[in-house]
Amino acid sequence: MRAGDEISIADMQAATEFTQHVLANTYDLSGYANVTRWLGVLKEMPAYAKTHTPVAELFDQLRASSKLRSS
C-alpha cells in the first residue's frame, strides 16, 4: 500500500482513518490482508503510538461513559 520504502505522512493519515474505524468497531478489516499487514507495520512505529494512543484512550473513555449512562 505504500508508494516507497519510507512511511509517508499520507500513510499516517490513512492509518488514522482506519484506526478510528477499528477502535469504534464500525469496520472489519480482517478480510483485507494487505491493509491489515500495512497497518500492523505502522503500529510498530513509535510515531504511531505517540499519535494514536490518545485516540485509543479517548475511545475507551467514551465507551466507559456510554456504559455508565446505559446502566
PDB file of N, CA and C in Angstrom:
ATOM      1  N   MET A   1       0.816  -1.181   0.000  1.00  0.00           N
ATOM      2  CA  MET A   1       0.000   0.000   0.000  1.00  0.00           C
ATOM      3  C   MET A   1       0.866   1.254   0.000  1.00  0.00           C
ATOM      4  N   ARG A   2       2.100   1.141   0.442  1.00  0.00           N
ATOM      5  CA  ARG A   2       2.987   2.300   0.418  1.00  0.00           C
ATOM      6  C   ARG A   2       3.543   2.498  -0.979  1.00  0.00           C
ATOM      7  N   ALA A   3       3.861   3.729  -1.289  1.00  0.00           N
ATOM      8  CA  ALA A   3       4.436   4.029  -2.588  1.00  0.00           C
ATOM      9  C   ALA A   3       5.942   3.799  -2.595  1.00  0.00           C
ATOM     10  N   GLY A   4       6.570   3.819  -1.437  1.00  0.00           N
ATOM     11  CA  GLY A   4       8.015   3.657  -1.362  1.00  0.00           C
ATOM     12  C   GLY A   4       8.425   2.890  -0.125  1.00  0.00           C
ATOM     13  N   ASP A   5       9.724   2.910   0.148  1.00  0.00           N
ATOM     14  CA  ASP A   5      10.254   2.172   1.284  1.00  0.00           C
ATOM     15  C   ASP A   5      10.112   2.929   2.600  1.00  0.00           C
ATOM     16  N   GLU A   6       9.779   4.194   2.535  1.00  0.00           N
ATOM     17  CA  GLU A   6       9.640   5.016   3.734  1.00  0.00           C
ATOM     18  C   GLU A   6       8.158   5.261   4.020  1.00  0.00           C
ATOM     19  N   ILE A   7       7.843   5.332   5.296  1.00  0.00           N
ATOM     20  CA  ILE A   7       6.482   5.675   5.689  1.00  0.00           C
ATOM     21  C   ILE A   7       6.289   7.166   5.428  1.00  0.00           C
ATOM     22  N   SER A   8       5.184   7.509   4.807  1.00  0.00           N
ATOM     23  CA  SER A   8       4.926   8.910   4.473  1.00  0.00           C
ATOM     24  C   SER A   8       3.857   9.483   5.395  1.00  0.00           C
ATOM     25  N   ILE A   9       3.699  10.777   5.313  1.00  0.00           N
ATOM     26  CA  ILE A   9       2.632  11.426   6.063  1.00  0.00           C
ATOM     27  C   ILE A   9       1.266  10.930   5.569  1.00  0.00           C
ATOM     28  N   ALA A  10       1.188  10.571   4.309  1.00  0.00           N
ATOM     29  CA  ALA A  10      -0.055  10.019   3.768  1.00  0.00           C
ATOM     30  C   ALA A  10      -0.372   8.671   4.417  1.00  0.00           C
ATOM     31  N   ASP A  11       0.657   7.857   4.662  1.00  0.00           N
ATOM     32  CA  ASP A  11       0.447   6.593   5.363  1.00  0.00           C
ATOM     33  C   ASP A  11      -0.127   6.842   6.757  1.00  0.00           C
ATOM     34  N   MET A  12       0.452   7.804   7.462  1.00  0.00           N
ATOM     35  CA  MET A  12      -0.005   8.087   8.819  1.00  0.00           C
ATOM     36  C   MET A  12      -1.436   8.632   8.806  1.00  0.00           C
ATOM     37  N   GLN A  13      -1.761   9.454   7.842  1.00  0.00           N
ATOM     38  CA  GLN A  13      -3.125   9.982   7.746  1.00  0.00           C
ATOM     39  C   GLN A  13      -4.116   8.864   7.455  1.00  0.00           C
ATOM     40  N   ALA A  14      -3.782   8.017   6.513  1.00  0.00           N
ATOM     41  CA  ALA A  14      -4.672   6.897   6.196  1.00  0.00           C
ATOM     42  C   ALA A  14      -4.807   5.964   7.396  1.00  0.00           C
ATOM     43  N   ALA A  15      -3.708   5.739   8.113  1.00  0.00           N
ATOM     44  CA  ALA A  15      -3.757   4.894   9.308  1.00  0.00           C
ATOM     45  C   ALA A  15      -4.709   5.470  10.344  1.00  0.00           C
ATOM     46  N   THR A  16      -4.734   6.786  10.453  1.00  0.00           N
ATOM     47  CA  THR A  16      -5.644   7.435  11.389  1.00  0.00           C
ATOM     48  C   THR A  16      -7.095   7.120  11.043  1.00  0.00           C
ATOM     49  N   GLU A  17      -7.417   7.193   9.774  1.00  0.00           N
ATOM     50  CA  GLU A  17      -8.790   6.906   9.346  1.00  0.00           C
ATOM     51  C   GLU A  17      -9.155   5.453   9.628  1.00  0.00           C
ATOM     52  N   PHE A  18      -8.281   4.530   9.271  1.00  0.00           N
ATOM     53  CA  PHE A  18      -8.541   3.116   9.518  1.00  0.00           C
ATOM     54  C   PHE A  18      -8.631   2.832  11.008  1.00  0.00           C
ATOM     55  N   THR A  19      -7.725   3.412  11.789  1.00  0.00           N
ATOM     56  CA  THR A  19      -7.694   3.162  13.221  1.00  0.00           C
ATOM     57  C   THR A  19      -8.981   3.613  13.895  1.00  0.00           C
ATOM     58  N   GLN A  20      -9.513   4.742  13.481  1.00  0.00           N
ATOM     59  CA  GLN A  20     -10.771   5.210  14.071  1.00  0.00           C
ATOM     60  C   GLN A  20     -11.881   4.190  13.870  1.00  0.00           C
ATOM     61  N   HIS A  21     -11.947   3.610  12.694  1.00  0.00           N
ATOM     62  CA  HIS A  21     -12.976   2.595  12.427  1.00  0.00           C
ATOM     63  C   HIS A  21     -12.727   1.326  13.224  1.00  0.00           C
ATOM     64  N   VAL A  22     -11.483   0.935  13.338  1.00  0.00           N
ATOM     65  CA  VAL A  22     -11.149  -0.260  14.115  1.00  0.00           C
ATOM     66  C   VAL A  22     -11.514  -0.043  15.580  1.00  0.00           C
ATOM     67  N   LEU A  23     -11.129   1.100  16.130  1.00  0.00           N
ATOM     68  CA  LEU A  23     -11.416   1.387  17.539  1.00  0.00           C
ATOM     69  C   LEU A  23     -12.909   1.496  17.812  1.00  0.00           C
ATOM     70  N   ALA A  24     -13.647   2.029  16.874  1.00  0.00           N
ATOM     71  CA  ALA A  24     -15.088   2.200  17.045  1.00  0.00           C
ATOM     72  C   ALA A  24     -15.871   0.942  16.664  1.00  0.00           C
ATOM     73  N   ASN A  25     -15.170  -0.061  16.174  1.00  0.00           N
ATOM     74  CA  ASN A  25     -15.818  -1.305  15.728  1.00  0.00           C
ATOM     75  C   ASN A  25     -16.870  -1.047  14.657  1.00  0.00           C
ATOM     76  N   THR A  26     -16.571  -0.116  13.763  1.00  0.00           N
ATOM     77  CA  THR A  26     -17.510   0.193  12.688  1.00  0.00           C
ATOM     78  C   THR A  26     -17.123  -0.442  11.363  1.00  0.00           C
ATOM     79  N   TYR A  27     -15.934  -1.060  11.323  1.00  0.00           N
ATOM     80  CA  TYR A  27     -15.494  -1.689  10.087  1.00  0.00           C
ATOM     81  C   TYR A  27     -14.530  -2.804  10.413  1.00  0.00           C
ATOM     82  N   ASP A  28     -14.706  -3.939   9.788  1.00  0.00           N
ATOM     83  CA  ASP A  28     -13.855  -5.103   9.997  1.00  0.00           C
ATOM     84  C   ASP A  28     -12.847  -5.197   8.862  1.00  0.00           C
ATOM     85  N   LEU A  29     -11.578  -5.038   9.203  1.00  0.00           N
ATOM     86  CA  LEU A  29     -10.516  -5.088   8.194  1.00  0.00           C
ATOM     87  C   LEU A  29      -9.955  -6.492   7.990  1.00  0.00           C
ATOM     88  N   SER A  30     -10.468  -7.474   8.698  1.00  0.00           N
ATOM     89  CA  SER A  30      -9.878  -8.811   8.642  1.00  0.00           C
ATOM     90  C   SER A  30      -9.904  -9.426   7.245  1.00  0.00           C
ATOM     91  N   GLY A  31     -10.786  -8.997   6.409  1.00  0.00           N
ATOM     92  CA  GLY A  31     -10.844  -9.517   5.046  1.00  0.00           C
ATOM     93  C   GLY A  31      -9.858  -8.860   4.089  1.00  0.00           C
ATOM     94  N   TYR A  32      -9.074  -7.938   4.594  1.00  0.00           N
ATOM     95  CA  TYR A  32      -8.141  -7.184   3.768  1.00  0.00           C
ATOM     96  C   TYR A  32      -6.714  -7.407   4.291  1.00  0.00           C
ATOM     97  N   ALA A  33      -6.115  -8.488   3.855  1.00  0.00           N
ATOM     98  CA  ALA A  33      -4.806  -8.903   4.380  1.00  0.00           C
ATOM     99  C   ALA A  33      -3.730  -7.842   4.186  1.00  0.00           C
ATOM    100  N   ASN A  34      -3.686  -7.213   3.031  1.00  0.00           N
ATOM    101  CA  ASN A  34      -2.643  -6.210   2.789  1.00  0.00           C
ATOM    102  C   ASN A  34      -2.840  -4.970   3.650  1.00  0.00           C
ATOM    103  N   VAL A  35      -4.071  -4.553   3.847  1.00  0.00           N
ATOM    104  CA  VAL A  35      -4.344  -3.393   4.698  1.00  0.00           C
ATOM    105  C   VAL A  35      -3.989  -3.727   6.147  1.00  0.00           C
ATOM    106  N   THR A  36      -4.367  -4.922   6.584  1.00  0.00           N
ATOM    107  CA  THR A  36      -4.058  -5.353   7.943  1.00  0.00           C
ATOM    108  C   THR A  36      -2.550  -5.425   8.165  1.00  0.00           C
ATOM    109  N   ARG A  37      -1.825  -5.966   7.184  1.00  0.00           N
ATOM    110  CA  ARG A  37      -0.364  -6.045   7.274  1.00  0.00           C
ATOM    111  C   ARG A  37       0.247  -4.650   7.325  1.00  0.00           C
ATOM    112  N   TRP A  38      -0.203  -3.779   6.446  1.00  0.00           N
ATOM    113  CA  TRP A  38       0.304  -2.404   6.383  1.00  0.00           C
ATOM    114  C   TRP A  38       0.051  -1.672   7.692  1.00  0.00           C
ATOM    115  N   LEU A  39      -1.160  -1.804   8.228  1.00  0.00           N
ATOM    116  CA  LEU A  39      -1.482  -1.147   9.485  1.00  0.00           C
ATOM    117  C   LEU A  39      -0.639  -1.732  10.620  1.00  0.00           C
ATOM    118  N   GLY A  40      -0.383  -3.027  10.578  1.00  0.00           N
ATOM    119  CA  GLY A  40       0.485  -3.659  11.574  1.00  0.00           C
ATOM    120  C   GLY A  40       1.894  -3.097  11.548  1.00  0.00           C
ATOM    121  N   VAL A  41       2.420  -2.852  10.352  1.00  0.00           N
ATOM    122  CA  VAL A  41       3.758  -2.239  10.220  1.00  0.00           C
ATOM    123  C   VAL A  41       3.755  -0.853  10.844  1.00  0.00           C
ATOM    124  N   LEU A  42       2.736  -0.078  10.566  1.00  0.00           N
ATOM    125  CA  LEU A  42       2.657   1.272  11.125  1.00  0.00           C
ATOM    126  C   LEU A  42       2.511   1.246  12.640  1.00  0.00           C
ATOM    127  N   LYS A  43       1.751   0.289  13.159  1.00  0.00           N
ATOM    128  CA  LYS A  43       1.533   0.198  14.607  1.00  0.00           C
ATOM    129  C   LYS A  43       2.815  -0.077  15.374  1.00  0.00           C
ATOM    130  N   GLU A  44       3.811  -0.628  14.710  1.00  0.00           N
ATOM    131  CA  GLU A  44       5.093  -0.916  15.355  1.00  0.00           C
ATOM    132  C   GLU A  44       5.986   0.316  15.441  1.00  0.00           C
ATOM    133  N   MET A  45       5.601   1.380  14.780  1.00  0.00           N
ATOM    134  CA  MET A  45       6.422   2.584  14.764  1.00  0.00           C
ATOM    135  C   MET A  45       6.133   3.464  15.980  1.00  0.00           C
ATOM    136  N   PRO A  46       7.183   4.040  16.595  1.00  0.00           N
ATOM    137  CA  PRO A  46       6.974   4.933  17.741  1.00  0.00           C
ATOM    138  C   PRO A  46       6.024   6.093  17.427  1.00  0.00           C
ATOM    139  N   ALA A  47       6.085   6.623  16.227  1.00  0.00           N
ATOM    140  CA  ALA A  47       5.213   7.749  15.864  1.00  0.00           C
ATOM    141  C   ALA A  47       3.742   7.343  15.911  1.00  0.00           C
ATOM    142  N   TYR A  48       3.445   6.109  15.556  1.00  0.00           N
ATOM    143  CA  TYR A  48       2.058   5.640  15.598  1.00  0.00           C
ATOM    144  C   TYR A  48       1.558   5.646  17.037  1.00  0.00           C
ATOM    145  N   ALA A  49       2.340   5.067  17.932  1.00  0.00           N
ATOM    146  CA  ALA A  49       1.934   5.024  19.344  1.00  0.00           C
ATOM    147  C   ALA A  49       1.761   6.430  19.904  1.00  0.00           C
ATOM    148  N   LYS A  50       2.666   7.311  19.546  1.00  0.00           N
ATOM    149  CA  LYS A  50       2.604   8.678  20.064  1.00  0.00           C
ATOM    150  C   LYS A  50       1.333   9.390  19.611  1.00  0.00           C
ATOM    151  N   THR A  51       0.935   9.166  18.385  1.00  0.00           N
ATOM    152  CA  THR A  51      -0.214   9.889  17.850  1.00  0.00           C
ATOM    153  C   THR A  51      -1.542   9.162  18.037  1.00  0.00           C
ATOM    154  N   HIS A  52      -1.513   7.837  18.157  1.00  0.00           N
ATOM    155  CA  HIS A  52      -2.766   7.096  18.204  1.00  0.00           C
ATOM    156  C   HIS A  52      -3.155   6.614  19.597  1.00  0.00           C
ATOM    157  N   THR A  53      -2.213   6.562  20.531  1.00  0.00           N
ATOM    158  CA  THR A  53      -2.566   6.157  21.892  1.00  0.00           C
ATOM    159  C   THR A  53      -3.605   7.096  22.502  1.00  0.00           C
ATOM    160  N   PRO A  54      -3.464   8.415  22.368  1.00  0.00           N
ATOM    161  CA  PRO A  54      -4.501   9.300  22.920  1.00  0.00           C
ATOM    162  C   PRO A  54      -5.878   9.055  22.292  1.00  0.00           C
ATOM    163  N   VAL A  55      -5.913   8.722  21.027  1.00  0.00           N
ATOM    164  CA  VAL A  55      -7.190   8.445  20.356  1.00  0.00           C
ATOM    165  C   VAL A  55      -7.805   7.166  20.941  1.00  0.00           C
ATOM    166  N   ALA A  56      -6.990   6.141  21.122  1.00  0.00           N
ATOM    167  CA  ALA A  56      -7.481   4.892  21.704  1.00  0.00           C
ATOM    168  C   ALA A  56      -7.997   5.129  23.121  1.00  0.00           C
ATOM    169  N   GLU A  57      -7.292   5.943  23.885  1.00  0.00           N
ATOM    170  CA  GLU A  57      -7.728   6.261  25.243  1.00  0.00           C
ATOM    171  C   GLU A  57      -9.061   7.012  25.227  1.00  0.00           C
ATOM    172  N   LEU A  58      -9.225   7.907  24.277  1.00  0.00           N
ATOM    173  CA  LEU A  58     -10.482   8.635  24.145  1.00  0.00           C
ATOM    174  C   LEU A  58     -11.632   7.683  23.849  1.00  0.00           C
ATOM    175  N   PHE A  59     -11.427   6.752  22.929  1.00  0.00           N
ATOM    176  CA  PHE A  59     -12.470   5.779  22.625  1.00  0.00           C
ATOM    177  C   PHE A  59     -12.810   4.949  23.857  1.00  0.00           C
ATOM    178  N   ASP A  60     -11.796   4.559  24.638  1.00  0.00           N
ATOM    179  CA  ASP A  60     -12.041   3.809  25.871  1.00  0.00           C
ATOM    180  C   ASP A  60     -12.885   4.621  26.847  1.00  0.00           C
ATOM    181  N   GLN A  61     -12.567   5.906  26.979  1.00  0.00           N
ATOM    182  CA  GLN A  61     -13.334   6.777  27.874  1.00  0.00           C
ATOM    183  C   GLN A  61     -14.780   6.933  27.397  1.00  0.00           C
ATOM    184  N   LEU A  62     -14.955   7.069  26.099  1.00  0.00           N
ATOM    185  CA  LEU A  62     -16.304   7.208  25.551  1.00  0.00           C
ATOM    186  C   LEU A  62     -17.118   5.938  25.776  1.00  0.00           C
ATOM    187  N   ARG A  63     -16.461   4.777  25.586  1.00  0.00           N
ATOM    188  CA  ARG A  63     -17.158   3.521  25.834  1.00  0.00           C
ATOM    189  C   ARG A  63     -17.571   3.405  27.304  1.00  0.00           C
ATOM    190  N   ALA A  64     -16.648   3.735  28.209  1.00  0.00           N
ATOM    191  CA  ALA A  64     -16.926   3.662  29.646  1.00  0.00           C
ATOM    192  C   ALA A  64     -18.064   4.613  30.007  1.00  0.00           C
ATOM    193  N   SER A  65     -18.023   5.818  29.473  1.00  0.00           N
ATOM    194  CA  SER A  65     -19.062   6.804  29.735  1.00  0.00           C
ATOM    195  C   SER A  65     -20.411   6.317  29.207  1.00  0.00           C
ATOM    196  N   SER A  66     -20.411   5.728  28.053  1.00  0.00           N
ATOM    197  CA  SER A  66     -21.625   5.223  27.439  1.00  0.00           C
ATOM    198  C   SER A  66     -22.227   4.097  28.274  1.00  0.00           C
ATOM    199  N   LYS A  67     -21.393   3.221  28.802  1.00  0.00           N
ATOM    200  CA  LYS A  67     -21.866   2.113  29.639  1.00  0.00           C
ATOM    201  C   LYS A  67     -22.464   2.646  30.934  1.00  0.00           C
ATOM    202  N   LEU A  68     -21.877   3.701  31.482  1.00  0.00           N
ATOM    203  CA  LEU A  68     -22.401   4.282  32.720  1.00  0.00           C
ATOM    204  C   LEU A  68     -23.782   4.863  32.488  1.00  0.00           C
ATOM    205  N   ARG A  69     -23.970   5.527  31.356  1.00  0.00           N
ATOM    206  CA  ARG A  69     -25.268   6.145  31.061  1.00  0.00           C
ATOM    207  C   ARG A  69     -26.345   5.125  30.758  1.00  0.00           C
ATOM    208  N   SER A  70     -25.954   3.978  30.198  1.00  0.00           N
ATOM    209  CA  SER A  70     -26.952   2.981  29.829  1.00  0.00           C
ATOM    210  C   SER A  70     -27.317   2.080  31.004  1.00  0.00           C
ATOM    211  N   SER A  71     -26.590   2.173  32.107  1.00  0.00           N
ATOM    212  CA  SER A  71     -26.895   1.334  33.282  1.00  0.00           C
ATOM    213  C   SER A  71     -28.024   1.892  34.096  1.00  0.00           C
TER     214      SER A  71
END
